[in-house]
Amino acid sequence: MKLNKYLDVAPEVAEAVQNHRPVVALESTIISHGMPYPQNVETALKVEEIIRDCGATPATIAILGGRLKAGLSPEEIEYLGRKGQAVAKASRRDLAVLVSRGGDGATTVTTTMIIAHMAGIQIFATGGIGGVHRGAETSMDISADLEELGTTPVMVVCAGAKSILDLGLTLEYLETRGVPVVGYGTEELPAFYTRKSGFQVDYRMDTPAELAAAFHTARELGLRGGMLVANPIPEEYAMDHQVINKAIDQAVAEAGAQGIHGKAVTPFLLARVKDLTGGDSLESNIQLVFHNARLAARTAVELCRL
């Protein structure tokens, strides 16, 4: 691919990909924009540890000094965590400019998928995906994550779409793009902090082997695009549906009143929801990322057996 000359794959990751061993990609926006320091660094390093314990190699992805990185050192993760929101939040539209300028970027779901695919990594674990924002019928605010899922052949394991979004329209958009939405152990789309949303997924699967077989078959069929696996947050960390929705409604109203839009919306809403819930949402966020990492690693192990 043309962009490969801009790509640095960590030796451990490159060796695993070359030898058909399981690898799981991880995003870096959650480090710089998703959590405060030092919880962001602690969480990122713990997620990598969980993936190793499940038999796979972690590959945290970012843009550093204009280089696309697939696999970061602990020092690089610390750098991103300390700089926080001073690091650019990099979506597809930002890649060329950041690389040409030698800049740093924390990768979203979109850019993590792009760089993972370039590096030969097929499975990616994250917290929640972006989607169609509430009020998108007038704002046209739709996350690039959905378009990438329709284009790039990477499985994304998440806790569903963030509950700050319009979940019904998000599912409609994914259907239009031909992206299968699979509920892991559930027929209902989880909504990030909560296990239920009232919306049905396309398919239910109950084992990592099932997920791997479906994704492998899609690749053999030559189908475009990825697969979205929605893995509900563990019951003990799930938040009350009414409490979280009340906080989200207030945060959305505040964002509108303050004229916040574009890529600033999601960080603002997540931060306000954390404040409004007394910090409970931060712990939920951390635990669901751990949960998704385990499932992604076990699925990557099964995929390598096919």
Foldseek 3Di string as FASTA:
>chain_A
DVCVVQEDEPPVLLVCLVVLFFEAEEFFLCQQQVDAPPVSLVLVVVLQVLLVVLRHGYFYWWAAQLGTYGRDDSVVSVVSNVCRPVAAADAPVCNVVCNVVRGIYTYALHVSLVNCVVSNHAEYEYEAHEAAAPVCVPVVDGDCNLVSQLAGAHEYQYQFHALLGDRVVRQVSNVVSVEAEEEAVDQARGHRLAGHDPHGGPYYDHALLVVLVVSVVCVVVVHGGYYYYNYHQPPVLHDDPVQLVVQSVVQVVVCVVVVPDDPRNVSSSSVSSCVSVVNSSVVSSSRRSSVRSSSRSNSSNSNSVD
